[in-house]
Amino acid sequence: MNKSVFSKDELNVGISACLTGEKVRYDASNKPSNFCNHELGKYVTYKMFCPEVAIGMPIPRPTIRQIKQDDMIIVSRPDGTGDVTEPLKEYGKKVAKLTDDMVGYVFCANSPTCGMERVKIYSPEGNSLKSDGIGIFSNEIMKANPLLPCEENGRLNDPIIRENFVARIYTYKRWQNLVASGVTKHKLMTFHSQHKYALMSHNIVEYKKLGRLLAESELDVEVIAAEYISGLMDALKIKATRKSHTNTLQHIQGYFSKHINDDQRKELTNVIDEYRQGVMPLMVPLALIKHYLLEHPNEYLAEQTYLDPYPADLKLRYGY
C-alpha cells in the first residue's frame, strides 16, 4: 500500500519567496531553486514569504547583515543604521503561527533573515566574526515548531539531504493525518509498525527506544504521542548511510527466505552487497524486493513506508 499519495493541495510547504523566482532580493533579483520549482513543486503547494518585504523594506534596498553588539545580535545596514531586528522577529512569530498547516519549509541559505545555519555575523566595525548565526526570521519559525522539516536551498543540492528532507515531509504529513483522526495507542503502534524500516535505516537505536515507549509507557496517550513524534522526527534528521540501508535491506530480505529459490536468494544477496559497495544505487535492491513482494505478497511489508516513502517520480533514490 503506497502511503505517499497525497494531493498537491494537502502538502503545504513554506518557502523563501526568492527561491520561487519572485524578484524580492535586496538588488531586485531572485534566486530560483530548480529542485523546488520543477521537481518538488509538482507535488506540493508553496506558501511564499519574504520577511524584508513584509516589514515594509523596499525593492531594491540597502543590504542588511547580522551585527554583534555587546551580547546581542541585531540586523541592520552594515553601518549599524536601520535596525530591523524586532520587526523581523515579530513577523517570524506571526508566520510561525501558520506552520501548523505546513509539512515543511525551505529557507534561503546565508540570509541574515532566512538562513537556517552558518549565517555570517559581523562586528560593528565591519569585521567578519564567525559564521554560525541563524536567520532572525527563520529562527522564530524553527523555535515555534521544532517538528517541522526544514532545509535550505543550497543544502538541497546534496542528493542525500534532498531525499532526507522529502522523506521527512511525507512522514510528517502522515503524522498530521493520524493526529487529525484522533490519537489512540493502537494507532500509534500501527504508525510505528509502518515506519519500522524507514526508522531503522536512520537510527536503529531510536527505533528500539520508541518501540519501548509505546509498549511499556503508562503515560497519557497525548503525552506518549508528543514524545514519540519528537523522537521520530529527530531520528529521521540523521542521514541514512549505505551501511544502515544495507542492514535494513537484509532484514527485509529475511521475509522472502522461504519463498524464493536459491538462485533468487543469491541474486538478492548480491544486489544488496553491490549496493553496499557503492556499485549501484538504492533503487536497484528496492526494485528487486518490490518484485518479489508482488510475487509473494506480505501485508506487513506492503505497509512499510520505507518501500514507497514519497512519489517514485521524484527519483530521489536513483543518485545514491
Protein backbone atom coordinates (compact mmCIF):
# COMPACT_ATOMS: atom_id res chain seq x y z
CA MET A 1 0.00 0.00 0.00
CA ASN A 2 1.55 3.30 -1.09
CA LYS A 3 1.28 5.75 1.78
CA SER A 4 2.92 8.60 -0.12
CA VAL A 5 -0.15 9.51 -2.17
CA PHE A 6 -1.33 12.98 -1.22
CA SER A 7 -2.79 15.68 -3.39
CA LYS A 8 -0.77 18.81 -4.09
CA ASP A 9 -3.24 20.83 -2.01
CA GLU A 10 -2.62 18.62 1.03
CA LEU A 11 1.10 19.36 1.15
CA ASN A 12 1.74 22.99 2.10
CA VAL A 13 5.41 23.96 2.24
CA GLY A 14 6.70 27.33 3.36
CA ILE A 15 9.44 28.81 1.22
CA SER A 16 11.53 31.95 0.86
CA ALA A 17 9.84 33.86 -1.97
CA CYS A 18 13.10 34.50 -3.84
CA LEU A 19 13.54 30.74 -4.29
CA THR A 20 10.34 30.52 -6.31
CA GLY A 21 11.52 33.22 -8.71
CA GLU A 22 10.00 36.28 -7.05
CA LYS A 23 12.31 39.28 -7.52
CA VAL A 24 12.33 40.35 -3.88
CA ARG A 25 16.03 40.32 -3.00
CA TYR A 26 17.89 43.47 -1.98
CA ASP A 27 19.04 44.07 -5.56
CA ALA A 28 15.60 43.23 -7.07
CA SER A 29 16.87 39.82 -8.20
CA ASN A 30 15.76 36.31 -7.33
CA LYS A 31 17.42 33.00 -6.53
CA PRO A 32 15.20 30.31 -8.07
CA SER A 33 15.68 26.72 -6.94
CA ASN A 34 15.41 24.23 -9.79
CA PHE A 35 14.57 21.36 -7.46
CA CYS A 36 11.90 23.30 -5.58
CA ASN A 37 10.28 24.76 -8.67
CA HIS A 38 10.49 21.96 -11.21
CA GLU A 39 10.60 18.76 -9.16
CA LEU A 40 9.20 19.07 -5.65
CA GLY A 41 6.86 21.81 -6.84
CA LYS A 42 4.85 19.24 -8.80
CA TYR A 43 3.72 17.67 -5.55
CA VAL A 44 3.46 20.49 -3.01
CA THR A 45 1.79 23.88 -2.70
CA TYR A 46 4.19 26.64 -1.70
CA LYS A 47 3.38 29.36 0.80
CA MET A 48 5.83 32.15 -0.09
CA PHE A 49 7.28 34.60 2.42
CA CYS A 50 9.81 37.41 2.20
CA PRO A 51 10.27 38.93 5.66
CA GLU A 52 12.11 42.01 4.40
CA VAL A 53 9.28 42.98 2.07
CA ALA A 54 6.66 42.01 4.65
CA ILE A 55 8.01 44.51 7.19
CA GLY A 56 8.00 47.30 4.63
CA MET A 57 11.53 47.31 3.24
CA PRO A 58 11.63 48.44 -0.40
CA ILE A 59 12.84 46.65 -3.53
CA PRO A 60 15.67 47.33 -4.19
CA ARG A 61 17.00 48.18 -0.73
CA PRO A 62 20.28 48.61 1.16
CA THR A 63 21.91 45.36 2.25
CA ILE A 64 21.48 44.19 5.82
CA ARG A 65 23.57 41.90 7.96
CA GLN A 66 23.77 40.39 11.44
CA ILE A 67 25.92 42.52 13.73
CA LYS A 68 27.08 41.58 17.23
CA GLN A 69 26.61 44.48 19.62
CA ASP A 70 27.75 43.58 23.13
CA ASP A 71 25.78 40.39 23.87
CA MET A 72 23.06 40.97 21.29
CA ILE A 73 22.72 40.23 17.59
CA ILE A 74 20.94 42.90 15.57
CA VAL A 75 20.03 43.02 11.88
CA SER A 76 20.74 46.34 10.25
CA ARG A 77 22.65 48.03 7.45
CA PRO A 78 26.41 47.44 7.57
CA ASP A 79 26.94 50.80 9.32
CA GLY A 80 24.51 49.88 12.10
CA THR A 81 21.66 52.12 10.98
CA GLY A 82 18.17 50.96 10.06
CA ASP A 83 17.84 48.30 12.79
CA VAL A 84 15.04 45.91 11.74
CA THR A 85 15.66 43.17 14.31
CA GLU A 86 12.40 43.45 16.24
CA PRO A 87 10.09 43.80 13.22
CA LEU A 88 11.69 40.70 11.69
CA LYS A 89 11.26 38.74 14.92
CA GLU A 90 7.64 39.78 15.23
CA TYR A 91 6.91 38.82 11.63
CA GLY A 92 8.65 35.49 12.23
CA LYS A 93 6.37 34.83 15.20
CA LYS A 94 3.35 35.75 13.08
CA VAL A 95 4.29 33.33 10.29
CA ALA A 96 5.22 30.65 12.83
CA LYS A 97 1.55 30.50 13.83
CA LEU A 98 0.76 29.42 10.26
CA THR A 99 3.12 26.44 10.25
CA ASP A 100 0.58 24.07 11.81
CA ASP A 101 -0.82 23.79 8.29
CA MET A 102 2.60 23.10 6.76
CA VAL A 103 4.62 19.94 6.25
CA GLY A 104 7.98 21.62 5.60
CA TYR A 105 9.86 24.84 4.96
CA VAL A 106 12.68 25.75 2.56
CA PHE A 107 14.80 28.74 3.59
CA CYS A 108 17.26 30.82 1.58
CA ALA A 109 20.81 29.95 2.63
CA ASN A 110 23.21 32.54 4.06
CA SER A 111 20.49 35.14 4.53
CA PRO A 112 20.62 37.22 7.74
CA THR A 113 16.84 36.84 7.90
CA CYS A 114 16.14 33.39 6.42
CA GLY A 115 19.37 31.39 6.80
CA MET A 116 18.94 28.14 8.69
CA GLU A 117 22.56 27.95 9.80
CA ARG A 118 26.07 29.29 9.06
CA VAL A 119 24.87 32.90 8.76
CA LYS A 120 27.74 35.41 8.91
CA ILE A 121 27.96 37.63 11.97
CA TYR A 122 29.93 40.89 11.86
CA SER A 123 31.44 43.26 14.37
CA PRO A 124 30.20 46.89 14.48
CA GLU A 125 33.42 47.80 12.69
CA GLY A 126 32.54 45.51 9.77
CA ASN A 127 34.84 42.59 10.52
CA SER A 128 33.53 39.07 9.97
CA LEU A 129 33.48 37.39 13.37
CA LYS A 130 32.05 33.93 12.69
CA SER A 131 29.57 32.07 10.50
CA ASP A 132 27.34 30.29 13.00
CA GLY A 133 24.34 32.59 13.06
CA ILE A 134 20.71 31.72 12.37
CA GLY A 135 18.39 33.97 10.40
CA ILE A 136 16.29 36.20 12.62
CA PHE A 137 13.07 35.23 10.80
CA SER A 138 13.84 31.52 10.27
CA ASN A 139 14.84 31.12 13.91
CA GLU A 140 11.33 32.07 15.01
CA ILE A 141 9.82 29.50 12.64
CA MET A 142 12.06 26.68 13.82
CA LYS A 143 11.66 27.55 17.51
CA ALA A 144 7.88 27.57 17.25
CA ASN A 145 7.64 24.18 15.51
CA PRO A 146 10.74 22.02 16.06
CA LEU A 147 8.98 19.08 14.38
CA LEU A 148 8.63 20.91 11.05
CA PRO A 149 11.07 19.55 8.42
CA CYS A 150 13.26 22.49 7.40
CA GLU A 151 16.05 22.83 4.84
CA GLU A 152 18.00 25.43 2.88
CA ASN A 153 18.13 25.72 -0.89
CA GLY A 154 21.89 25.18 -1.03
CA ARG A 155 21.83 22.01 1.05
CA LEU A 156 19.11 20.58 -1.20
CA ASN A 157 21.74 20.21 -3.94
CA ASP A 158 23.08 17.26 -1.94
CA PRO A 159 21.13 14.14 -3.09
CA ILE A 160 21.14 12.52 0.36
CA ILE A 161 19.96 15.68 2.14
CA ARG A 162 17.35 16.24 -0.58
CA GLU A 163 15.97 12.72 -0.19
CA ASN A 164 16.02 13.01 3.59
CA PHE A 165 14.06 16.28 3.52
CA VAL A 166 11.34 14.96 1.21
CA ALA A 167 11.01 11.73 3.21
CA ARG A 168 10.52 13.80 6.38
CA ILE A 169 7.87 15.93 4.67
CA TYR A 170 5.80 12.87 3.81
CA THR A 171 6.34 11.26 7.21
CA TYR A 172 5.19 14.46 8.92
CA LYS A 173 2.09 14.61 6.73
CA ARG A 174 1.18 11.05 7.66
CA TRP A 175 1.60 12.03 11.30
CA GLN A 176 -0.62 15.08 10.88
CA ASN A 177 -3.31 12.84 9.40
CA LEU A 178 -3.04 10.46 12.34
CA VAL A 179 -3.43 13.32 14.81
CA ALA A 180 -6.38 14.74 12.88
CA SER A 181 -8.12 11.35 13.08
CA GLY A 182 -7.70 11.19 16.85
CA VAL A 183 -4.66 9.66 18.58
CA THR A 184 -5.05 6.25 20.20
CA LYS A 185 -2.49 3.78 21.48
CA HIS A 186 -3.43 1.35 18.72
CA LYS A 187 -2.95 3.99 16.02
CA LEU A 188 0.46 4.87 17.46
CA MET A 189 1.51 1.24 17.41
CA THR A 190 0.31 0.86 13.83
CA PHE A 191 2.12 4.03 12.74
CA HIS A 192 5.33 2.84 14.38
CA SER A 193 5.00 -0.55 12.73
CA GLN A 194 4.54 1.02 9.29
CA HIS A 195 7.64 3.18 9.77
CA LYS A 196 9.82 0.39 11.19
CA TYR A 197 12.26 0.08 8.32
CA ALA A 198 12.29 3.77 7.49
CA LEU A 199 13.33 4.47 11.07
CA MET A 200 15.79 1.57 11.17
CA SER A 201 17.57 2.97 8.11
CA HIS A 202 18.29 6.17 10.03
CA ASN A 203 18.73 5.12 13.66
CA ILE A 204 18.08 1.58 14.85
CA VAL A 205 18.70 2.58 18.48
CA GLU A 206 15.95 5.18 18.34
CA TYR A 207 13.65 2.67 16.64
CA LYS A 208 14.01 0.32 19.62
CA LYS A 209 13.68 3.18 22.11
CA LEU A 210 10.44 4.41 20.56
CA GLY A 211 9.12 0.86 20.46
CA ARG A 212 9.72 0.54 24.21
CA LEU A 213 7.97 3.87 24.77
CA LEU A 214 4.84 2.60 23.05
CA ALA A 215 4.96 -0.88 24.58
CA GLU A 216 5.68 -0.02 28.20
CA SER A 217 4.63 3.55 28.87
CA GLU A 218 1.80 4.19 31.32
CA LEU A 219 1.67 7.85 30.36
CA ASP A 220 -1.38 9.56 28.89
CA VAL A 221 -1.67 8.82 25.17
CA GLU A 222 -1.27 12.50 24.25
CA VAL A 223 1.99 12.66 26.21
CA ILE A 224 3.21 9.47 24.58
CA ALA A 225 2.33 10.83 21.14
CA ALA A 226 4.27 14.07 21.74
CA GLU A 227 7.33 12.18 22.95
CA TYR A 228 7.07 9.69 20.10
CA ILE A 229 6.87 12.18 17.21
CA SER A 230 9.66 14.28 18.70
CA GLY A 231 11.93 11.23 18.83
CA LEU A 232 10.89 10.08 15.36
CA MET A 233 11.48 13.40 13.61
CA ASP A 234 14.84 13.85 15.36
CA ALA A 235 15.91 10.36 14.31
CA LEU A 236 14.89 10.96 10.70
CA LYS A 237 17.14 14.04 10.54
CA ILE A 238 20.10 11.68 10.77
CA LYS A 239 21.27 10.88 7.27
CA ALA A 240 20.92 7.21 6.38
CA THR A 241 24.12 5.58 5.15
CA ARG A 242 24.86 2.70 2.82
CA LYS A 243 25.66 0.65 5.91
CA SER A 244 22.34 1.41 7.61
CA HIS A 245 20.38 0.90 4.39
CA THR A 246 22.18 -2.40 3.82
CA ASN A 247 21.23 -3.58 7.31
CA THR A 248 17.61 -2.60 6.64
CA LEU A 249 17.55 -4.35 3.26
CA GLN A 250 18.96 -7.51 4.81
CA HIS A 251 16.22 -7.51 7.43
CA ILE A 252 13.59 -7.21 4.70
CA GLN A 253 15.32 -9.95 2.69
CA GLY A 254 14.58 -12.36 5.52
CA TYR A 255 10.85 -12.24 4.77
CA PHE A 256 11.47 -13.94 1.43
CA SER A 257 13.84 -16.69 2.62
CA LYS A 258 11.15 -19.39 2.50
CA HIS A 259 9.53 -18.20 -0.72
CA ILE A 260 12.32 -17.70 -3.25
CA ASN A 261 14.69 -20.29 -4.67
CA ASP A 262 18.44 -20.48 -4.20
CA ASP A 263 19.25 -18.56 -7.37
CA GLN A 264 16.83 -15.76 -6.47
CA ARG A 265 18.17 -15.65 -2.92
CA LYS A 266 21.72 -15.39 -4.23
CA GLU A 267 20.72 -12.67 -6.69
CA LEU A 268 19.10 -10.56 -3.96
CA THR A 269 22.09 -11.05 -1.65
CA ASN A 270 24.49 -9.98 -4.41
CA VAL A 271 22.44 -6.93 -5.35
CA ILE A 272 22.29 -5.77 -1.73
CA ASP A 273 26.03 -6.27 -1.40
CA GLU A 274 26.72 -4.36 -4.61
CA TYR A 275 24.64 -1.50 -3.21
CA ARG A 276 26.71 -1.65 0.00
CA GLN A 277 29.90 -1.35 -2.05
CA GLY A 278 28.58 1.64 -3.97
CA VAL A 279 28.33 -0.20 -7.28
CA MET A 280 24.64 0.58 -7.74
CA PRO A 281 22.02 2.94 -6.28
CA LEU A 282 19.48 2.08 -3.62
CA MET A 283 16.68 1.81 -6.18
CA VAL A 284 18.13 -1.44 -7.59
CA PRO A 285 17.78 -3.68 -4.50
CA LEU A 286 14.49 -1.96 -3.67
CA ALA A 287 13.13 -2.73 -7.14
CA LEU A 288 14.04 -6.39 -6.75
CA ILE A 289 12.44 -6.53 -3.30
CA LYS A 290 9.24 -4.97 -4.69
CA HIS A 291 9.27 -7.53 -7.49
CA TYR A 292 9.43 -10.40 -5.00
CA LEU A 293 6.75 -8.71 -2.88
CA LEU A 294 4.39 -8.78 -5.87
CA GLU A 295 5.12 -12.46 -6.39
CA HIS A 296 4.92 -13.30 -2.68
CA PRO A 297 2.53 -10.81 -1.03
CA ASN A 298 3.20 -9.90 2.58
CA GLU A 299 0.81 -7.48 4.23
CA TYR A 300 3.33 -6.30 6.82
CA LEU A 301 5.96 -5.44 4.20
CA ALA A 302 3.37 -3.89 1.90
CA GLU A 303 2.54 -1.41 4.69
CA GLN A 304 6.17 -0.29 5.10
CA THR A 305 6.70 3.35 4.16
CA TYR A 306 10.38 2.56 3.56
CA LEU A 307 9.47 0.96 0.24
CA ASP A 308 7.44 3.95 -1.02
CA PRO A 309 8.19 6.98 1.17
CA TYR A 310 7.15 9.53 -1.49
CA PRO A 311 6.16 9.57 -5.19
CA ALA A 312 8.55 7.45 -7.23
CA ASP A 313 8.58 10.10 -9.98
CA LEU A 314 10.80 12.26 -7.77
CA LYS A 315 13.59 9.70 -8.42
CA LEU A 316 15.34 10.63 -5.19
CA ARG A 317 16.88 7.22 -4.63
CA TYR A 318 18.48 6.97 -8.07
CA GLY A 319 21.52 9.05 -7.19
CA TYR A 320 22.98 7.21 -4.21
